[in-house]
Protein backbone atom coordinates (compact mmCIF):
# COMPACT_ATOMS: atom_id res chain seq x y z
CA UNK A 1 0.00 0.00 0.00
CA UNK A 2 2.86 2.37 0.77
CA UNK A 3 4.30 1.86 -2.72
CA UNK A 4 0.89 2.60 -4.26
CA UNK A 5 0.47 5.75 -2.20
CA UNK A 6 3.98 6.92 -3.03
CA UNK A 7 3.23 6.47 -6.74
CA UNK A 8 -0.02 8.46 -6.36
CA UNK A 9 1.75 11.28 -4.58
CA UNK A 10 4.63 11.30 -7.04
CA UNK A 11 2.25 11.62 -9.98
CA UNK A 12 0.21 14.35 -8.28
CA UNK A 13 3.33 16.27 -7.28
CA UNK A 14 4.65 16.19 -10.84
CA UNK A 15 1.31 17.52 -12.11
CA UNK A 16 1.22 20.35 -9.56
CA UNK A 17 4.79 21.34 -10.31
CA UNK A 18 4.00 21.37 -14.03
CA UNK A 19 0.99 23.64 -13.42
CA UNK A 20 3.11 26.03 -11.37
CA UNK A 21 5.89 26.06 -13.95
CA UNK A 22 3.46 26.67 -16.83
CA UNK A 23 1.77 29.50 -14.92
CA UNK A 24 5.12 31.11 -14.09
CA UNK A 25 6.37 30.96 -17.65
CA UNK A 26 3.08 32.38 -18.92
CA UNK A 27 3.60 35.33 -16.58
CA UNK A 28 7.21 35.81 -17.67
CA UNK A 29 8.52 34.53 -14.35
CA UNK A 30 11.09 31.94 -13.37
CA UNK A 31 9.28 28.86 -11.98
CA UNK A 32 11.94 28.69 -9.26
CA UNK A 33 10.45 31.88 -7.78
CA UNK A 34 7.30 30.00 -6.71
CA UNK A 35 7.50 27.68 -3.73
CA UNK A 36 5.08 24.88 -2.86
CA UNK A 37 3.53 24.45 0.58
CA UNK A 38 1.83 21.06 0.93
CA UNK A 39 -1.30 21.45 3.06
CA UNK A 40 -1.38 18.19 4.97
CA UNK A 41 -4.23 18.87 7.41
CA UNK A 42 -6.27 15.72 8.11
CA UNK A 43 -3.75 13.55 6.25
CA UNK A 44 -1.50 11.10 8.17
CA UNK A 45 2.16 11.62 8.98
CA UNK A 46 2.93 8.68 6.70
CA UNK A 47 1.90 10.83 3.72
CA UNK A 48 4.12 13.66 4.93
CA UNK A 49 7.01 11.20 5.20
CA UNK A 50 6.45 10.07 1.61
CA UNK A 51 6.36 13.69 0.46
CA UNK A 52 9.70 14.36 2.15
CA UNK A 53 11.06 11.35 0.27
CA UNK A 54 9.88 13.09 -2.92
CA UNK A 55 11.72 16.27 -2.04
CA UNK A 56 9.13 18.45 -0.33
CA UNK A 57 10.10 20.25 2.87
CA UNK A 58 7.27 22.72 3.66
CA UNK A 59 3.99 21.56 5.17
CA UNK A 60 0.88 23.41 6.31
CA UNK A 61 -1.41 22.49 9.18
CA UNK A 62 -4.63 24.14 10.34
CA UNK A 63 -4.78 23.07 13.97
CA UNK A 64 -2.08 23.34 16.59
CA UNK A 65 -2.77 19.99 18.24
CA UNK A 66 -2.80 18.04 14.98
CA UNK A 67 0.31 19.82 13.76
CA UNK A 68 2.25 19.14 16.94
CA UNK A 69 1.42 15.44 16.84
CA UNK A 70 2.25 15.16 13.15
CA UNK A 71 5.58 16.94 13.55
CA UNK A 72 6.54 14.47 16.28
CA UNK A 73 5.40 11.50 14.19
CA UNK A 74 7.37 12.68 11.18
CA UNK A 75 10.50 13.08 13.31
CA UNK A 76 10.14 9.43 14.31
CA UNK A 77 9.36 8.21 10.79
CA UNK A 78 12.09 10.22 9.05
CA UNK A 79 14.68 11.27 11.65
CA UNK A 80 16.90 12.87 9.02
CA UNK A 81 14.21 14.72 7.11
CA UNK A 82 14.17 18.49 6.95
CA UNK A 83 10.64 19.80 7.41
CA UNK A 84 9.30 23.31 7.91
CA UNK A 85 5.90 23.43 9.55
CA UNK A 86 3.51 26.32 8.81
CA UNK A 87 0.26 27.06 10.61
CA UNK A 88 -2.18 28.16 7.91
CA UNK A 89 -5.50 28.16 9.79
CA UNK A 90 -7.09 30.58 12.21
CA UNK A 91 -5.22 30.51 15.48
CA UNK A 92 -6.44 31.02 19.03
CA UNK A 93 -4.07 33.07 21.16
CA UNK A 94 -4.06 30.46 23.93
CA UNK A 95 -2.39 28.00 21.50
CA UNK A 96 0.61 30.25 20.94
CA UNK A 97 2.79 28.86 23.73
CA UNK A 98 2.54 25.25 22.56
CA UNK A 99 2.71 26.15 18.87
CA UNK A 100 6.09 27.86 19.09
CA UNK A 101 7.68 24.62 20.26
CA UNK A 102 7.23 22.96 16.84
CA UNK A 103 6.06 25.45 14.19
CA UNK A 104 8.51 27.36 12.04
CA UNK A 105 5.96 29.88 10.77
CA UNK A 106 2.45 31.19 11.29
CA UNK A 107 0.93 32.27 7.97
CA UNK A 108 -2.44 33.46 9.31
CA UNK A 109 -1.77 36.38 11.67
CA UNK A 110 -4.64 38.86 11.51
CA UNK A 111 -4.73 40.88 14.75
CA UNK A 112 -2.49 42.91 17.02
CA UNK A 113 -3.46 40.72 19.98
CA UNK A 114 -2.30 37.61 18.13
CA UNK A 115 0.99 39.32 17.22
CA UNK A 116 1.54 40.13 20.89
CA UNK A 117 0.67 36.59 22.01
CA UNK A 118 3.07 35.04 19.51
CA UNK A 119 5.83 37.47 20.47
CA UNK A 120 5.46 36.60 24.16
CA UNK A 121 5.34 32.87 23.42
CA UNK A 122 8.34 32.96 21.09
CA UNK A 123 10.36 34.93 23.64
CA UNK A 124 9.63 32.35 26.35
CA UNK A 125 10.43 29.46 24.01
CA UNK A 126 13.77 30.96 23.00
CA UNK A 127 14.65 31.72 26.63
CA UNK A 128 13.76 28.12 27.56
CA UNK A 129 15.84 26.67 24.74
CA UNK A 130 12.77 25.25 23.00
CA UNK A 131 13.55 27.10 19.77
CA UNK A 132 16.64 28.84 18.48
CA UNK A 133 15.30 31.36 16.01
CA UNK A 134 12.49 33.91 15.67
CA UNK A 135 9.06 32.73 14.57
CA UNK A 136 8.30 33.68 10.98
CA UNK A 137 4.97 35.44 10.52
CA UNK A 138 2.82 36.27 7.50
CA UNK A 139 0.02 38.80 7.85
CA UNK A 140 -3.19 37.35 6.41
CA UNK A 141 -5.11 39.73 4.17
CA UNK A 142 -8.91 39.64 3.95
CA UNK A 143 -9.79 41.23 0.63
CA UNK A 144 -13.50 41.42 1.44
CA UNK A 145 -13.06 42.08 5.20
CA UNK A 146 -15.41 39.19 6.07
CA UNK A 147 -14.89 38.69 9.83
CA UNK A 148 -16.04 35.09 9.61
CA UNK A 149 -13.18 33.91 7.40
CA UNK A 150 -10.09 35.27 9.07
CA UNK A 151 -7.61 37.81 7.83
CA UNK A 152 -7.10 41.51 8.45
CA UNK A 153 -8.86 44.13 6.31
CA UNK A 154 -6.62 45.66 3.66
CA UNK A 155 -6.24 49.00 5.44
CA UNK A 156 -5.07 47.32 8.67
CA UNK A 157 -2.34 45.20 7.09
CA UNK A 158 0.50 47.79 6.95
CA UNK A 159 0.08 48.57 10.66
CA UNK A 160 0.08 44.88 11.57
CA UNK A 161 3.18 44.34 9.46
CA UNK A 162 4.88 47.19 11.34
CA UNK A 163 3.91 45.59 14.65
CA UNK A 164 5.36 42.21 13.64
CA UNK A 165 8.54 43.81 12.33
CA UNK A 166 9.08 45.64 15.62
CA UNK A 167 8.71 42.46 17.70
CA UNK A 168 12.03 41.11 18.89
CA UNK A 169 11.22 37.40 18.57
CA UNK A 170 9.18 37.41 15.35
CA UNK A 171 10.29 37.81 11.75
CA UNK A 172 7.99 39.40 9.19
CA UNK A 173 7.97 37.14 6.14
CA UNK A 174 5.31 38.94 4.10
CA UNK A 175 1.60 38.48 3.47
CA UNK A 176 -0.87 35.67 2.79
CA UNK A 177 -4.37 35.62 1.36
CA UNK A 178 -7.23 33.30 0.46
CA UNK A 179 -9.32 34.55 -2.45
CA UNK A 180 -12.95 34.91 -1.30
CA UNK A 181 -15.53 32.91 -3.22
CA UNK A 182 -17.56 35.95 -4.26
CA UNK A 183 -14.61 37.87 -5.71
CA UNK A 184 -12.83 36.96 -8.95
CA UNK A 185 -9.43 35.46 -8.03
CA UNK A 186 -7.65 37.85 -10.38
CA UNK A 187 -9.24 40.85 -8.66
CA UNK A 188 -8.36 39.55 -5.20
CA UNK A 189 -4.79 38.69 -6.10
CA UNK A 190 -4.24 42.03 -7.84
CA UNK A 191 -5.27 43.83 -4.64
CA UNK A 192 -2.96 41.73 -2.50
CA UNK A 193 -0.05 42.06 -4.95
CA UNK A 194 -0.26 45.85 -4.65
CA UNK A 195 -0.50 45.60 -0.86
CA UNK A 196 2.43 43.19 -0.69
CA UNK A 197 4.50 45.74 -2.58
CA UNK A 198 3.67 48.40 0.00
CA UNK A 199 4.64 46.09 2.86
CA UNK A 200 7.87 45.14 1.09
CA UNK A 201 8.75 48.80 0.48
CA UNK A 202 8.55 49.42 4.24
CA UNK A 203 10.17 46.10 5.18
CA UNK A 204 12.48 44.84 2.40
CA UNK A 205 12.85 41.42 3.97
CA UNK A 206 9.11 40.71 3.72
CA UNK A 207 9.35 39.06 0.32
CA UNK A 208 6.75 36.28 0.66
CA UNK A 209 3.38 36.52 -1.03
CA UNK A 210 1.52 33.32 -0.18
CA UNK A 211 -1.48 33.10 -2.51
CA UNK A 212 -3.17 30.46 -4.60
CA UNK A 213 -4.49 27.00 -3.84
CA UNK A 214 -5.47 23.94 -5.87
CA UNK A 215 -8.24 25.71 -7.77
CA UNK A 216 -6.72 29.12 -8.44
CA UNK A 217 -2.93 28.81 -8.32
CA UNK A 218 -2.50 29.93 -11.94
CA UNK A 219 -4.18 33.26 -11.26
CA UNK A 220 -2.12 33.73 -8.09
CA UNK A 221 1.17 33.04 -9.87
CA UNK A 222 0.24 35.58 -12.55
CA UNK A 223 -0.06 38.17 -9.77
CA UNK A 224 3.27 37.50 -8.13
CA UNK A 225 2.63 34.67 -5.67
CA UNK A 226 5.88 33.29 -4.28
CA UNK A 227 4.19 30.38 -2.50
CA UNK A 228 1.15 28.30 -3.46
CA UNK A 229 -0.61 26.23 -0.80
CA UNK A 230 -1.82 22.95 -2.29
CA UNK A 231 -3.82 20.25 -0.55
CA UNK A 232 -6.46 18.57 -2.69
CA UNK A 233 -4.51 18.59 -5.98
CA UNK A 234 -1.58 16.96 -4.22
CA UNK A 235 -3.06 14.63 -1.61
CA UNK A 236 -6.54 14.02 -3.03
CA UNK A 237 -9.95 14.34 -1.40
CA UNK A 238 -10.90 12.79 1.89
C-alpha atoms as a PDB file:
ATOM      1  CA  UNK A   1       0.000   0.000   0.000  1.00  0.00           C
ATOM      2  CA  UNK A   2       2.863   2.368   0.774  1.00  0.00           C
ATOM      3  CA  UNK A   3       4.298   1.862  -2.720  1.00  0.00           C
ATOM      4  CA  UNK A   4       0.890   2.601  -4.262  1.00  0.00           C
ATOM      5  CA  UNK A   5       0.473   5.752  -2.200  1.00  0.00           C
ATOM      6  CA  UNK A   6       3.982   6.922  -3.033  1.00  0.00           C
ATOM      7  CA  UNK A   7       3.231   6.475  -6.740  1.00  0.00           C
ATOM      8  CA  UNK A   8      -0.024   8.464  -6.365  1.00  0.00           C
ATOM      9  CA  UNK A   9       1.754  11.283  -4.579  1.00  0.00           C
ATOM     10  CA  UNK A  10       4.630  11.299  -7.043  1.00  0.00           C
ATOM     11  CA  UNK A  11       2.246  11.618  -9.979  1.00  0.00           C
ATOM     12  CA  UNK A  12       0.209  14.352  -8.283  1.00  0.00           C
ATOM     13  CA  UNK A  13       3.330  16.270  -7.279  1.00  0.00           C
ATOM     14  CA  UNK A  14       4.654  16.194 -10.837  1.00  0.00           C
ATOM     15  CA  UNK A  15       1.313  17.516 -12.112  1.00  0.00           C
ATOM     16  CA  UNK A  16       1.220  20.351  -9.559  1.00  0.00           C
ATOM     17  CA  UNK A  17       4.795  21.336 -10.312  1.00  0.00           C
ATOM     18  CA  UNK A  18       3.995  21.372 -14.026  1.00  0.00           C
ATOM     19  CA  UNK A  19       0.995  23.643 -13.415  1.00  0.00           C
ATOM     20  CA  UNK A  20       3.106  26.033 -11.366  1.00  0.00           C
ATOM     21  CA  UNK A  21       5.894  26.062 -13.948  1.00  0.00           C
ATOM     22  CA  UNK A  22       3.465  26.668 -16.833  1.00  0.00           C
ATOM     23  CA  UNK A  23       1.773  29.500 -14.922  1.00  0.00           C
ATOM     24  CA  UNK A  24       5.115  31.105 -14.089  1.00  0.00           C
ATOM     25  CA  UNK A  25       6.371  30.959 -17.648  1.00  0.00           C
ATOM     26  CA  UNK A  26       3.076  32.377 -18.920  1.00  0.00           C
ATOM     27  CA  UNK A  27       3.598  35.335 -16.583  1.00  0.00           C
ATOM     28  CA  UNK A  28       7.212  35.806 -17.666  1.00  0.00           C
ATOM     29  CA  UNK A  29       8.519  34.531 -14.347  1.00  0.00           C
ATOM     30  CA  UNK A  30      11.093  31.944 -13.365  1.00  0.00           C
ATOM     31  CA  UNK A  31       9.283  28.862 -11.981  1.00  0.00           C
ATOM     32  CA  UNK A  32      11.937  28.689  -9.264  1.00  0.00           C
ATOM     33  CA  UNK A  33      10.446  31.882  -7.778  1.00  0.00           C
ATOM     34  CA  UNK A  34       7.303  29.996  -6.710  1.00  0.00           C
ATOM     35  CA  UNK A  35       7.496  27.679  -3.728  1.00  0.00           C
ATOM     36  CA  UNK A  36       5.077  24.883  -2.860  1.00  0.00           C
ATOM     37  CA  UNK A  37       3.527  24.446   0.575  1.00  0.00           C
ATOM     38  CA  UNK A  38       1.834  21.059   0.933  1.00  0.00           C
ATOM     39  CA  UNK A  39      -1.303  21.453   3.057  1.00  0.00           C
ATOM     40  CA  UNK A  40      -1.376  18.187   4.974  1.00  0.00           C
ATOM     41  CA  UNK A  41      -4.226  18.872   7.414  1.00  0.00           C
ATOM     42  CA  UNK A  42      -6.272  15.718   8.106  1.00  0.00           C
ATOM     43  CA  UNK A  43      -3.746  13.546   6.253  1.00  0.00           C
ATOM     44  CA  UNK A  44      -1.497  11.105   8.167  1.00  0.00           C
ATOM     45  CA  UNK A  45       2.159  11.623   8.983  1.00  0.00           C
ATOM     46  CA  UNK A  46       2.932   8.680   6.696  1.00  0.00           C
ATOM     47  CA  UNK A  47       1.897  10.834   3.725  1.00  0.00           C
ATOM     48  CA  UNK A  48       4.125  13.662   4.934  1.00  0.00           C
ATOM     49  CA  UNK A  49       7.013  11.205   5.198  1.00  0.00           C
ATOM     50  CA  UNK A  50       6.452  10.073   1.609  1.00  0.00           C
ATOM     51  CA  UNK A  51       6.358  13.692   0.455  1.00  0.00           C
ATOM     52  CA  UNK A  52       9.701  14.360   2.154  1.00  0.00           C
ATOM     53  CA  UNK A  53      11.062  11.352   0.267  1.00  0.00           C
ATOM     54  CA  UNK A  54       9.876  13.090  -2.922  1.00  0.00           C
ATOM     55  CA  UNK A  55      11.724  16.267  -2.044  1.00  0.00           C
ATOM     56  CA  UNK A  56       9.133  18.448  -0.329  1.00  0.00           C
ATOM     57  CA  UNK A  57      10.100  20.246   2.867  1.00  0.00           C
ATOM     58  CA  UNK A  58       7.274  22.722   3.659  1.00  0.00           C
ATOM     59  CA  UNK A  59       3.985  21.561   5.166  1.00  0.00           C
ATOM     60  CA  UNK A  60       0.884  23.408   6.311  1.00  0.00           C
ATOM     61  CA  UNK A  61      -1.414  22.489   9.185  1.00  0.00           C
ATOM     62  CA  UNK A  62      -4.635  24.144  10.340  1.00  0.00           C
ATOM     63  CA  UNK A  63      -4.783  23.074  13.972  1.00  0.00           C
ATOM     64  CA  UNK A  64      -2.079  23.338  16.590  1.00  0.00           C
ATOM     65  CA  UNK A  65      -2.770  19.988  18.239  1.00  0.00           C
ATOM     66  CA  UNK A  66      -2.802  18.041  14.978  1.00  0.00           C
ATOM     67  CA  UNK A  67       0.313  19.820  13.756  1.00  0.00           C
ATOM     68  CA  UNK A  68       2.248  19.143  16.944  1.00  0.00           C
ATOM     69  CA  UNK A  69       1.416  15.441  16.844  1.00  0.00           C
ATOM     70  CA  UNK A  70       2.254  15.156  13.154  1.00  0.00           C
ATOM     71  CA  UNK A  71       5.584  16.940  13.546  1.00  0.00           C
ATOM     72  CA  UNK A  72       6.537  14.475  16.282  1.00  0.00           C
ATOM     73  CA  UNK A  73       5.405  11.503  14.195  1.00  0.00           C
ATOM     74  CA  UNK A  74       7.375  12.681  11.183  1.00  0.00           C
ATOM     75  CA  UNK A  75      10.504  13.077  13.310  1.00  0.00           C
ATOM     76  CA  UNK A  76      10.138   9.429  14.312  1.00  0.00           C
ATOM     77  CA  UNK A  77       9.358   8.208  10.791  1.00  0.00           C
ATOM     78  CA  UNK A  78      12.089  10.217   9.052  1.00  0.00           C
ATOM     79  CA  UNK A  79      14.678  11.272  11.655  1.00  0.00           C
ATOM     80  CA  UNK A  80      16.897  12.872   9.023  1.00  0.00           C
ATOM     81  CA  UNK A  81      14.212  14.723   7.114  1.00  0.00           C
ATOM     82  CA  UNK A  82      14.174  18.490   6.952  1.00  0.00           C
ATOM     83  CA  UNK A  83      10.639  19.799   7.408  1.00  0.00           C
ATOM     84  CA  UNK A  84       9.297  23.315   7.910  1.00  0.00           C
ATOM     85  CA  UNK A  85       5.895  23.430   9.551  1.00  0.00           C
ATOM     86  CA  UNK A  86       3.513  26.317   8.815  1.00  0.00           C
ATOM     87  CA  UNK A  87       0.263  27.056  10.612  1.00  0.00           C
ATOM     88  CA  UNK A  88      -2.180  28.155   7.909  1.00  0.00           C
ATOM     89  CA  UNK A  89      -5.503  28.161   9.786  1.00  0.00           C
ATOM     90  CA  UNK A  90      -7.094  30.582  12.211  1.00  0.00           C
ATOM     91  CA  UNK A  91      -5.219  30.506  15.476  1.00  0.00           C
ATOM     92  CA  UNK A  92      -6.437  31.023  19.027  1.00  0.00           C
ATOM     93  CA  UNK A  93      -4.069  33.070  21.163  1.00  0.00           C
ATOM     94  CA  UNK A  94      -4.060  30.459  23.926  1.00  0.00           C
ATOM     95  CA  UNK A  95      -2.394  28.002  21.502  1.00  0.00           C
ATOM     96  CA  UNK A  96       0.609  30.251  20.938  1.00  0.00           C
ATOM     97  CA  UNK A  97       2.790  28.859  23.732  1.00  0.00           C
ATOM     98  CA  UNK A  98       2.536  25.253  22.562  1.00  0.00           C
ATOM     99  CA  UNK A  99       2.705  26.153  18.872  1.00  0.00           C
ATOM    100  CA  UNK A 100       6.090  27.860  19.091  1.00  0.00           C
ATOM    101  CA  UNK A 101       7.682  24.622  20.255  1.00  0.00           C
ATOM    102  CA  UNK A 102       7.232  22.960  16.842  1.00  0.00           C
ATOM    103  CA  UNK A 103       6.058  25.446  14.191  1.00  0.00           C
ATOM    104  CA  UNK A 104       8.509  27.355  12.040  1.00  0.00           C
ATOM    105  CA  UNK A 105       5.956  29.883  10.772  1.00  0.00           C
ATOM    106  CA  UNK A 106       2.447  31.190  11.289  1.00  0.00           C
ATOM    107  CA  UNK A 107       0.927  32.266   7.971  1.00  0.00           C
ATOM    108  CA  UNK A 108      -2.440  33.457   9.310  1.00  0.00           C
ATOM    109  CA  UNK A 109      -1.767  36.385  11.668  1.00  0.00           C
ATOM    110  CA  UNK A 110      -4.636  38.862  11.515  1.00  0.00           C
ATOM    111  CA  UNK A 111      -4.730  40.884  14.753  1.00  0.00           C
ATOM    112  CA  UNK A 112      -2.490  42.908  17.023  1.00  0.00           C
ATOM    113  CA  UNK A 113      -3.461  40.724  19.981  1.00  0.00           C
ATOM    114  CA  UNK A 114      -2.298  37.611  18.129  1.00  0.00           C
ATOM    115  CA  UNK A 115       0.986  39.321  17.220  1.00  0.00           C
ATOM    116  CA  UNK A 116       1.545  40.135  20.887  1.00  0.00           C
ATOM    117  CA  UNK A 117       0.665  36.591  22.014  1.00  0.00           C
ATOM    118  CA  UNK A 118       3.072  35.045  19.510  1.00  0.00           C
ATOM    119  CA  UNK A 119       5.832  37.471  20.467  1.00  0.00           C
ATOM    120  CA  UNK A 120       5.465  36.601  24.159  1.00  0.00           C
ATOM    121  CA  UNK A 121       5.342  32.871  23.421  1.00  0.00           C
ATOM    122  CA  UNK A 122       8.345  32.955  21.090  1.00  0.00           C
ATOM    123  CA  UNK A 123      10.357  34.930  23.637  1.00  0.00           C
ATOM    124  CA  UNK A 124       9.626  32.351  26.350  1.00  0.00           C
ATOM    125  CA  UNK A 125      10.428  29.459  24.006  1.00  0.00           C
ATOM    126  CA  UNK A 126      13.771  30.958  23.002  1.00  0.00           C
ATOM    127  CA  UNK A 127      14.645  31.717  26.630  1.00  0.00           C
ATOM    128  CA  UNK A 128      13.758  28.122  27.562  1.00  0.00           C
ATOM    129  CA  UNK A 129      15.845  26.665  24.743  1.00  0.00           C
ATOM    130  CA  UNK A 130      12.769  25.253  22.997  1.00  0.00           C
ATOM    131  CA  UNK A 131      13.549  27.099  19.772  1.00  0.00           C
ATOM    132  CA  UNK A 132      16.637  28.836  18.478  1.00  0.00           C
ATOM    133  CA  UNK A 133      15.300  31.360  16.010  1.00  0.00           C
ATOM    134  CA  UNK A 134      12.491  33.910  15.666  1.00  0.00           C
ATOM    135  CA  UNK A 135       9.063  32.731  14.572  1.00  0.00           C
ATOM    136  CA  UNK A 136       8.305  33.685  10.981  1.00  0.00           C
ATOM    137  CA  UNK A 137       4.967  35.443  10.517  1.00  0.00           C
ATOM    138  CA  UNK A 138       2.819  36.267   7.499  1.00  0.00           C
ATOM    139  CA  UNK A 139       0.019  38.797   7.850  1.00  0.00           C
ATOM    140  CA  UNK A 140      -3.188  37.348   6.415  1.00  0.00           C
ATOM    141  CA  UNK A 141      -5.113  39.731   4.175  1.00  0.00           C
ATOM    142  CA  UNK A 142      -8.906  39.636   3.955  1.00  0.00           C
ATOM    143  CA  UNK A 143      -9.787  41.231   0.628  1.00  0.00           C
ATOM    144  CA  UNK A 144     -13.504  41.423   1.437  1.00  0.00           C
ATOM    145  CA  UNK A 145     -13.059  42.081   5.201  1.00  0.00           C
ATOM    146  CA  UNK A 146     -15.414  39.194   6.070  1.00  0.00           C
ATOM    147  CA  UNK A 147     -14.892  38.694   9.834  1.00  0.00           C
ATOM    148  CA  UNK A 148     -16.043  35.087   9.613  1.00  0.00           C
ATOM    149  CA  UNK A 149     -13.182  33.909   7.401  1.00  0.00           C
ATOM    150  CA  UNK A 150     -10.090  35.269   9.069  1.00  0.00           C
ATOM    151  CA  UNK A 151      -7.610  37.811   7.827  1.00  0.00           C
ATOM    152  CA  UNK A 152      -7.101  41.511   8.450  1.00  0.00           C
ATOM    153  CA  UNK A 153      -8.865  44.131   6.306  1.00  0.00           C
ATOM    154  CA  UNK A 154      -6.618  45.656   3.660  1.00  0.00           C
ATOM    155  CA  UNK A 155      -6.244  48.997   5.438  1.00  0.00           C
ATOM    156  CA  UNK A 156      -5.074  47.321   8.665  1.00  0.00           C
ATOM    157  CA  UNK A 157      -2.335  45.202   7.086  1.00  0.00           C
ATOM    158  CA  UNK A 158       0.499  47.789   6.954  1.00  0.00           C
ATOM    159  CA  UNK A 159       0.084  48.567  10.656  1.00  0.00           C
ATOM    160  CA  UNK A 160       0.077  44.876  11.568  1.00  0.00           C
ATOM    161  CA  UNK A 161       3.177  44.341   9.463  1.00  0.00           C
ATOM    162  CA  UNK A 162       4.885  47.187  11.336  1.00  0.00           C
ATOM    163  CA  UNK A 163       3.913  45.591  14.648  1.00  0.00           C
ATOM    164  CA  UNK A 164       5.357  42.215  13.639  1.00  0.00           C
ATOM    165  CA  UNK A 165       8.539  43.812  12.334  1.00  0.00           C
ATOM    166  CA  UNK A 166       9.080  45.639  15.618  1.00  0.00           C
ATOM    167  CA  UNK A 167       8.705  42.461  17.701  1.00  0.00           C
ATOM    168  CA  UNK A 168      12.026  41.107  18.886  1.00  0.00           C
ATOM    169  CA  UNK A 169      11.216  37.398  18.573  1.00  0.00           C
ATOM    170  CA  UNK A 170       9.177  37.412  15.354  1.00  0.00           C
ATOM    171  CA  UNK A 171      10.290  37.813  11.748  1.00  0.00           C
ATOM    172  CA  UNK A 172       7.990  39.402   9.187  1.00  0.00           C
ATOM    173  CA  UNK A 173       7.971  37.144   6.136  1.00  0.00           C
ATOM    174  CA  UNK A 174       5.310  38.936   4.098  1.00  0.00           C
ATOM    175  CA  UNK A 175       1.601  38.480   3.472  1.00  0.00           C
ATOM    176  CA  UNK A 176      -0.870  35.673   2.793  1.00  0.00           C
ATOM    177  CA  UNK A 177      -4.367  35.621   1.363  1.00  0.00           C
ATOM    178  CA  UNK A 178      -7.227  33.304   0.456  1.00  0.00           C
ATOM    179  CA  UNK A 179      -9.318  34.551  -2.451  1.00  0.00           C
ATOM    180  CA  UNK A 180     -12.953  34.911  -1.303  1.00  0.00           C
ATOM    181  CA  UNK A 181     -15.534  32.907  -3.220  1.00  0.00           C
ATOM    182  CA  UNK A 182     -17.564  35.948  -4.258  1.00  0.00           C
ATOM    183  CA  UNK A 183     -14.606  37.869  -5.707  1.00  0.00           C
ATOM    184  CA  UNK A 184     -12.828  36.957  -8.947  1.00  0.00           C
ATOM    185  CA  UNK A 185      -9.432  35.460  -8.031  1.00  0.00           C
ATOM    186  CA  UNK A 186      -7.647  37.852 -10.380  1.00  0.00           C
ATOM    187  CA  UNK A 187      -9.238  40.850  -8.655  1.00  0.00           C
ATOM    188  CA  UNK A 188      -8.359  39.554  -5.196  1.00  0.00           C
ATOM    189  CA  UNK A 189      -4.788  38.686  -6.096  1.00  0.00           C
ATOM    190  CA  UNK A 190      -4.237  42.034  -7.839  1.00  0.00           C
ATOM    191  CA  UNK A 191      -5.271  43.834  -4.640  1.00  0.00           C
ATOM    192  CA  UNK A 192      -2.960  41.734  -2.503  1.00  0.00           C
ATOM    193  CA  UNK A 193      -0.055  42.064  -4.955  1.00  0.00           C
ATOM    194  CA  UNK A 194      -0.263  45.848  -4.646  1.00  0.00           C
ATOM    195  CA  UNK A 195      -0.503  45.602  -0.860  1.00  0.00           C
ATOM    196  CA  UNK A 196       2.431  43.190  -0.691  1.00  0.00           C
ATOM    197  CA  UNK A 197       4.497  45.744  -2.581  1.00  0.00           C
ATOM    198  CA  UNK A 198       3.667  48.404   0.000  1.00  0.00           C
ATOM    199  CA  UNK A 199       4.643  46.093   2.858  1.00  0.00           C
ATOM    200  CA  UNK A 200       7.871  45.145   1.088  1.00  0.00           C
ATOM    201  CA  UNK A 201       8.748  48.804   0.485  1.00  0.00           C
ATOM    202  CA  UNK A 202       8.554  49.423   4.244  1.00  0.00           C
ATOM    203  CA  UNK A 203      10.166  46.096   5.181  1.00  0.00           C
ATOM    204  CA  UNK A 204      12.482  44.845   2.399  1.00  0.00           C
ATOM    205  CA  UNK A 205      12.851  41.415   3.973  1.00  0.00           C
ATOM    206  CA  UNK A 206       9.112  40.709   3.718  1.00  0.00           C
ATOM    207  CA  UNK A 207       9.347  39.055   0.318  1.00  0.00           C
ATOM    208  CA  UNK A 208       6.754  36.277   0.657  1.00  0.00           C
ATOM    209  CA  UNK A 209       3.376  36.521  -1.034  1.00  0.00           C
ATOM    210  CA  UNK A 210       1.521  33.321  -0.184  1.00  0.00           C
ATOM    211  CA  UNK A 211      -1.481  33.100  -2.507  1.00  0.00           C
ATOM    212  CA  UNK A 212      -3.171  30.458  -4.597  1.00  0.00           C
ATOM    213  CA  UNK A 213      -4.493  26.997  -3.840  1.00  0.00           C
ATOM    214  CA  UNK A 214      -5.468  23.943  -5.865  1.00  0.00           C
ATOM    215  CA  UNK A 215      -8.236  25.710  -7.768  1.00  0.00           C
ATOM    216  CA  UNK A 216      -6.722  29.121  -8.440  1.00  0.00           C
ATOM    217  CA  UNK A 217      -2.934  28.813  -8.320  1.00  0.00           C
ATOM    218  CA  UNK A 218      -2.496  29.928 -11.940  1.00  0.00           C
ATOM    219  CA  UNK A 219      -4.183  33.264 -11.255  1.00  0.00           C
ATOM    220  CA  UNK A 220      -2.118  33.732  -8.091  1.00  0.00           C
ATOM    221  CA  UNK A 221       1.169  33.040  -9.866  1.00  0.00           C
ATOM    222  CA  UNK A 222       0.241  35.577 -12.551  1.00  0.00           C
ATOM    223  CA  UNK A 223      -0.060  38.170  -9.768  1.00  0.00           C
ATOM    224  CA  UNK A 224       3.265  37.497  -8.128  1.00  0.00           C
ATOM    225  CA  UNK A 225       2.630  34.665  -5.674  1.00  0.00           C
ATOM    226  CA  UNK A 226       5.876  33.291  -4.280  1.00  0.00           C
ATOM    227  CA  UNK A 227       4.186  30.377  -2.497  1.00  0.00           C
ATOM    228  CA  UNK A 228       1.145  28.304  -3.456  1.00  0.00           C
ATOM    229  CA  UNK A 229      -0.614  26.230  -0.802  1.00  0.00           C
ATOM    230  CA  UNK A 230      -1.823  22.950  -2.293  1.00  0.00           C
ATOM    231  CA  UNK A 231      -3.817  20.249  -0.549  1.00  0.00           C
ATOM    232  CA  UNK A 232      -6.460  18.574  -2.693  1.00  0.00           C
ATOM    233  CA  UNK A 233      -4.515  18.594  -5.985  1.00  0.00           C
ATOM    234  CA  UNK A 234      -1.581  16.964  -4.217  1.00  0.00           C
ATOM    235  CA  UNK A 235      -3.064  14.630  -1.613  1.00  0.00           C
ATOM    236  CA  UNK A 236      -6.541  14.017  -3.031  1.00  0.00           C
ATOM    237  CA  UNK A 237      -9.952  14.336  -1.398  1.00  0.00           C
ATOM    238  CA  UNK A 238     -10.898  12.787   1.895  1.00  0.00           C
END
